[in-house]
Amino acid sequence: MESALDWHQARALLEWYVELGAVDAVGDAPVNRCDLAQVAPKPARRAAEPAPAQAAPPGEAPSIDHAAEARRLAAAAGDLGALAEAMRDFDGLELKKGARNFVLADGNPAARLMIVGEAPGADEDRVGRPFVGRAGQLLDRMLAAIGLDRDSPDPARAVYITNVLPWRPPGNRTPTPAEMAMMVPFLERHIALADPEVLVLMGNTPCGALLARTGILRLRGQWTQALGKPVMPMTHPAYLLRNPAAKREAWADLLEIRARLEGGA
């Protein structure tokens, strides 16, 4: 029986692996790492080991408090362009080194509605825009159902979208508390500069960042407050793709958002 994949099957399989978060290719034959470890490595030039920050010799720069630096940079940003530059130059997150693109936001910054997600995925990292993969396409359809469009020039119909982290975590893993602590000052400043009327937090990560609470299935559908603005927590579109039955609850949340924007809630 012919077992080789044709071009279309191979592409579909590759796209499936990418959707799962695969970042490295492997060979067909297994590799015995124990055998590889028996090969003596070539001697390398020994680099000077950095001294602990608390024992740094005079004249050396002390270790950086990245969270404090993030707060300082965020506070100094006077507009969205300056904020984007400050975030792009911020070196506190190690995962930045493994990301392809800096992914800040998409949509109309003047929009009345601002959506905050978790972090870029593989598609977002490749394209450089948030929510452009399958979950993002579902989000666009959800927004269109209540008359909203991220590409609309009209602030009343527009949407502005960002994430807690602007760089993709390796393998699409959940951001760590330390990573979130460094990026929350930027996120809070981002919201202050965009000044939306309503915030939508999609998933546990933005809820943890701005509400200090998680448990999205308990939080969703209930209005709360953050940064002086009304907030609606919602399940992430990726969750809806895995659990289609939850779309009914998401539709109810969308109707609540539309009523709030129309002044009826």
Protein backbone atom coordinates (compact mmCIF):
# COMPACT_ATOMS: atom_id res chain seq x y z
CA MET A 1 0.00 0.00 0.00
CA GLU A 2 1.26 3.47 -0.87
CA SER A 3 2.01 5.26 2.41
CA ALA A 4 3.76 8.41 1.18
CA LEU A 5 1.91 11.66 1.76
CA ASP A 6 1.04 13.78 -1.22
CA TRP A 7 1.75 17.53 -1.20
CA HIS A 8 -1.65 18.52 0.17
CA GLN A 9 -1.58 15.92 2.95
CA ALA A 10 1.94 16.92 3.95
CA ARG A 11 0.99 20.59 4.11
CA ALA A 12 -2.12 19.85 6.17
CA LEU A 13 -0.05 17.76 8.59
CA LEU A 14 2.57 20.51 8.90
CA GLU A 15 -0.11 23.15 9.56
CA TRP A 16 -1.59 20.89 12.24
CA TYR A 17 1.81 20.57 13.94
CA VAL A 18 2.27 24.36 13.83
CA GLU A 19 -1.21 24.88 15.31
CA LEU A 20 -0.20 22.60 18.20
CA GLY A 21 2.81 24.81 18.84
CA ALA A 22 5.61 22.69 17.35
CA VAL A 23 8.70 24.80 16.71
CA ASP A 24 11.41 22.26 15.81
CA ALA A 25 11.63 19.54 13.18
CA VAL A 26 12.96 16.07 14.02
CA GLY A 27 14.30 13.28 11.87
CA ASP A 28 12.61 10.01 10.99
CA ALA A 29 15.21 7.93 12.87
CA PRO A 30 15.47 8.07 16.68
CA VAL A 31 18.65 9.49 18.20
CA ASN A 32 20.27 7.83 21.21
CA ARG A 33 21.31 10.80 23.33
CA CYS A 34 23.30 8.53 25.64
CA ASP A 35 25.56 7.56 22.74
CA LEU A 36 25.98 11.19 21.78
CA ALA A 37 26.92 12.10 25.33
CA GLN A 38 29.84 9.64 25.22
CA VAL A 39 31.55 11.71 22.55
CA ALA A 40 33.87 14.13 24.30
CA PRO A 41 33.07 17.70 23.32
CA LYS A 42 35.75 19.90 21.85
CA PRO A 43 37.36 22.11 24.48
CA ALA A 44 35.95 25.58 24.38
CA ARG A 45 37.54 28.79 25.50
CA ARG A 46 36.43 29.43 29.05
CA ALA A 47 34.50 32.64 29.44
CA ALA A 48 34.72 34.69 32.57
CA GLU A 49 31.81 33.91 34.85
CA PRO A 50 29.85 36.97 35.96
CA ALA A 51 30.01 37.72 39.66
CA PRO A 52 26.78 37.70 41.67
CA ALA A 53 24.99 41.03 41.63
CA GLN A 54 25.38 41.50 45.37
CA ALA A 55 29.16 41.05 45.09
CA ALA A 56 29.76 43.05 41.92
CA PRO A 57 33.17 44.71 41.94
CA PRO A 58 33.36 48.51 41.92
CA GLY A 59 32.80 49.93 38.45
CA GLU A 60 30.54 47.11 37.21
CA ALA A 61 26.90 47.78 36.46
CA PRO A 62 24.58 46.30 39.11
CA SER A 63 21.89 43.80 38.16
CA ILE A 64 18.77 45.41 36.70
CA ASP A 65 15.39 45.32 38.38
CA HIS A 66 13.45 44.66 35.18
CA ALA A 67 10.03 45.14 36.76
CA ALA A 68 11.02 48.57 38.04
CA GLU A 69 12.54 49.42 34.67
CA ALA A 70 9.29 48.42 32.97
CA ARG A 71 7.32 50.71 35.27
CA ARG A 72 9.69 53.59 34.55
CA LEU A 73 9.60 53.12 30.78
CA ALA A 74 5.83 52.72 30.70
CA ALA A 75 5.24 55.87 32.75
CA ALA A 76 7.52 57.88 30.45
CA ALA A 77 5.66 56.92 27.26
CA GLY A 78 3.58 59.89 26.17
CA ASP A 79 1.79 58.25 23.26
CA LEU A 80 1.28 54.87 21.65
CA GLY A 81 4.27 55.28 19.36
CA ALA A 82 6.58 56.00 22.30
CA LEU A 83 5.09 53.06 24.20
CA ALA A 84 5.69 50.70 21.28
CA GLU A 85 9.31 51.86 21.05
CA ALA A 86 9.85 51.40 24.79
CA MET A 87 8.35 47.91 24.74
CA ARG A 88 10.31 46.88 21.66
CA ASP A 89 13.57 47.96 23.29
CA PHE A 90 12.78 46.39 26.67
CA ASP A 91 15.13 43.45 27.30
CA GLY A 92 13.70 42.09 30.53
CA LEU A 93 12.00 39.08 28.94
CA GLU A 94 14.26 36.24 27.83
CA LEU A 95 11.52 34.83 25.58
CA LYS A 96 11.92 37.92 23.39
CA LYS A 97 15.10 36.36 22.00
CA GLY A 98 13.19 33.40 20.57
CA ALA A 99 10.31 35.33 19.00
CA ARG A 100 10.20 36.32 15.37
CA ASN A 101 8.13 39.47 15.69
CA PHE A 102 7.13 42.12 18.19
CA VAL A 103 3.30 41.97 18.25
CA LEU A 104 1.79 45.05 19.84
CA ALA A 105 -1.78 45.64 18.66
CA ASP A 106 -4.23 45.70 15.79
CA GLY A 107 -7.36 47.64 14.98
CA ASN A 108 -8.32 51.24 15.65
CA PRO A 109 -6.70 52.81 18.75
CA ALA A 110 -9.65 55.20 18.96
CA ALA A 111 -12.14 52.33 19.31
CA ARG A 112 -14.59 52.32 22.20
CA LEU A 113 -13.88 48.61 22.78
CA MET A 114 -10.45 47.19 23.61
CA ILE A 115 -9.75 43.46 23.77
CA VAL A 116 -6.83 42.02 25.74
CA GLY A 117 -5.63 38.50 25.06
CA GLU A 118 -2.72 36.44 26.39
CA ALA A 119 0.23 36.42 23.98
CA PRO A 120 0.98 35.86 20.29
CA GLY A 121 0.72 32.34 18.93
CA ALA A 122 2.59 30.85 15.99
CA ASP A 123 0.51 32.66 13.35
CA GLU A 124 0.68 35.96 15.20
CA ASP A 125 4.43 35.64 15.68
CA ARG A 126 4.85 34.99 11.97
CA VAL A 127 2.56 37.81 10.77
CA GLY A 128 3.26 40.38 13.49
CA ARG A 129 -0.40 41.04 14.38
CA PRO A 130 -2.53 39.71 17.26
CA PHE A 131 -5.39 37.26 16.72
CA VAL A 132 -4.81 36.29 13.09
CA GLY A 133 -4.90 32.47 13.36
CA ARG A 134 -7.96 30.26 13.61
CA ALA A 135 -8.88 31.77 16.96
CA GLY A 136 -8.51 35.27 15.54
CA GLN A 137 -10.71 34.43 12.56
CA LEU A 138 -13.39 33.18 14.93
CA LEU A 139 -13.02 36.37 16.98
CA ASP A 140 -13.59 38.47 13.86
CA ARG A 141 -16.80 36.56 13.12
CA MET A 142 -17.95 36.98 16.71
CA LEU A 143 -17.37 40.73 16.58
CA ALA A 144 -19.07 41.03 13.20
CA ALA A 145 -22.16 39.40 14.73
CA ILE A 146 -22.59 42.45 16.97
CA GLY A 147 -21.64 44.99 14.32
CA LEU A 148 -17.96 45.47 15.18
CA ASP A 149 -14.89 45.28 12.93
CA ARG A 150 -11.24 45.71 13.83
CA ASP A 151 -10.64 47.40 10.46
CA SER A 152 -13.41 49.97 10.81
CA PRO A 153 -12.31 53.64 10.82
CA ASP A 154 -15.43 54.50 12.83
CA PRO A 155 -14.60 54.36 16.59
CA ALA A 156 -18.20 53.38 17.33
CA ARG A 157 -17.84 50.21 15.22
CA ALA A 158 -14.12 49.61 15.63
CA VAL A 159 -12.16 47.31 17.93
CA TYR A 160 -8.64 47.65 19.31
CA ILE A 161 -6.82 44.40 20.16
CA THR A 162 -3.66 43.69 22.15
CA ASN A 163 -2.13 41.04 24.43
CA VAL A 164 -0.50 40.93 27.84
CA LEU A 165 2.80 39.85 26.21
CA PRO A 166 3.98 41.22 22.84
CA TRP A 167 6.28 38.25 22.17
CA ARG A 168 5.36 34.61 21.70
CA PRO A 169 6.23 32.30 24.62
CA PRO A 170 8.07 29.14 23.50
CA GLY A 171 5.64 26.43 22.50
CA ASN A 172 2.69 28.74 23.26
CA ARG A 173 3.15 28.11 26.98
CA THR A 174 1.33 30.24 29.56
CA PRO A 175 3.30 33.34 30.63
CA THR A 176 4.93 33.02 34.04
CA PRO A 177 4.02 35.35 36.94
CA ALA A 178 7.43 37.04 36.61
CA GLU A 179 6.91 37.68 32.90
CA MET A 180 3.46 39.10 33.52
CA ALA A 181 4.74 41.34 36.32
CA MET A 182 7.21 42.90 33.89
CA MET A 183 4.63 43.50 31.17
CA VAL A 184 1.62 44.65 33.22
CA PRO A 185 2.96 48.23 33.57
CA PHE A 186 3.17 48.44 29.78
CA LEU A 187 -0.33 46.99 29.43
CA GLU A 188 -1.79 49.43 31.95
CA ARG A 189 -0.14 52.35 30.17
CA HIS A 190 -1.38 51.00 26.83
CA ILE A 191 -4.95 51.02 28.13
CA ALA A 192 -4.54 54.50 29.60
CA LEU A 193 -3.26 55.90 26.29
CA ALA A 194 -5.92 54.19 24.15
CA ASP A 195 -8.59 55.10 26.74
CA PRO A 196 -11.35 52.71 25.61
CA GLU A 197 -14.82 52.81 27.14
CA VAL A 198 -15.05 49.03 27.62
CA LEU A 199 -12.43 46.32 28.17
CA VAL A 200 -12.82 42.66 27.23
CA LEU A 201 -10.37 40.23 28.85
CA MET A 202 -10.12 37.00 26.89
CA GLY A 203 -8.91 34.10 28.99
CA ASN A 204 -7.19 33.59 32.33
CA THR A 205 -3.94 35.41 31.61
CA PRO A 206 -5.39 38.91 31.09
CA CYS A 207 -7.77 38.34 34.01
CA GLY A 208 -4.82 37.47 36.21
CA ALA A 209 -2.89 40.49 34.94
CA LEU A 210 -5.61 43.13 35.44
CA LEU A 211 -8.04 41.58 37.93
CA ALA A 212 -5.59 39.49 39.99
CA ARG A 213 -8.08 36.65 39.58
CA THR A 214 -8.32 33.57 37.40
CA GLY A 215 -10.96 30.95 36.73
CA ILE A 216 -12.39 32.26 33.49
CA LEU A 217 -15.35 29.88 33.49
CA ARG A 218 -16.49 31.47 36.76
CA LEU A 219 -15.58 35.04 35.81
CA ARG A 220 -17.01 35.16 32.31
CA GLY A 221 -20.29 36.90 31.69
CA GLN A 222 -20.07 39.12 34.78
CA TRP A 223 -19.22 42.80 34.58
CA THR A 224 -16.42 43.97 36.82
CA GLN A 225 -13.99 46.90 37.00
CA ALA A 226 -10.30 47.40 36.24
CA LEU A 227 -8.36 50.64 35.86
CA GLY A 228 -11.61 52.54 36.32
CA LYS A 229 -13.25 50.90 33.31
CA PRO A 230 -16.04 48.32 32.91
CA VAL A 231 -14.58 44.90 32.15
CA MET A 232 -16.18 41.81 30.63
CA PRO A 233 -14.15 38.59 31.03
CA MET A 234 -14.76 36.12 28.20
CA THR A 235 -13.51 32.69 27.24
CA HIS A 236 -10.75 32.79 24.65
CA PRO A 237 -11.77 31.93 21.05
CA ALA A 238 -9.23 29.08 21.14
CA TYR A 239 -11.29 27.54 23.96
CA LEU A 240 -14.43 27.89 21.85
CA LEU A 241 -12.74 26.04 18.99
CA ARG A 242 -12.06 23.13 21.35
CA ASN A 243 -15.46 23.36 23.06
CA PRO A 244 -18.09 24.46 20.50
CA ALA A 245 -20.90 24.07 23.06
CA ALA A 246 -19.45 27.09 24.93
CA LYS A 247 -20.26 29.37 21.98
CA ARG A 248 -23.76 29.84 23.37
CA GLU A 249 -22.35 31.46 26.51
CA ALA A 250 -19.93 33.54 24.43
CA TRP A 251 -22.88 34.83 22.39
CA ALA A 252 -24.60 35.92 25.60
CA ASP A 253 -21.42 37.77 26.61
CA LEU A 254 -21.29 39.50 23.22
CA LEU A 255 -24.87 40.68 23.65
CA GLU A 256 -23.93 42.13 27.04
CA ILE A 257 -21.04 43.99 25.44
CA ARG A 258 -23.25 45.36 22.67
CA ALA A 259 -25.83 46.53 25.21
CA ARG A 260 -23.12 48.27 27.23
CA LEU A 261 -21.76 50.06 24.16
CA GLU A 262 -25.26 51.11 23.16
CA GLY A 263 -25.88 52.52 26.62
CA GLY A 264 -28.49 49.98 27.60
CA ALA A 265 -26.54 48.27 30.40
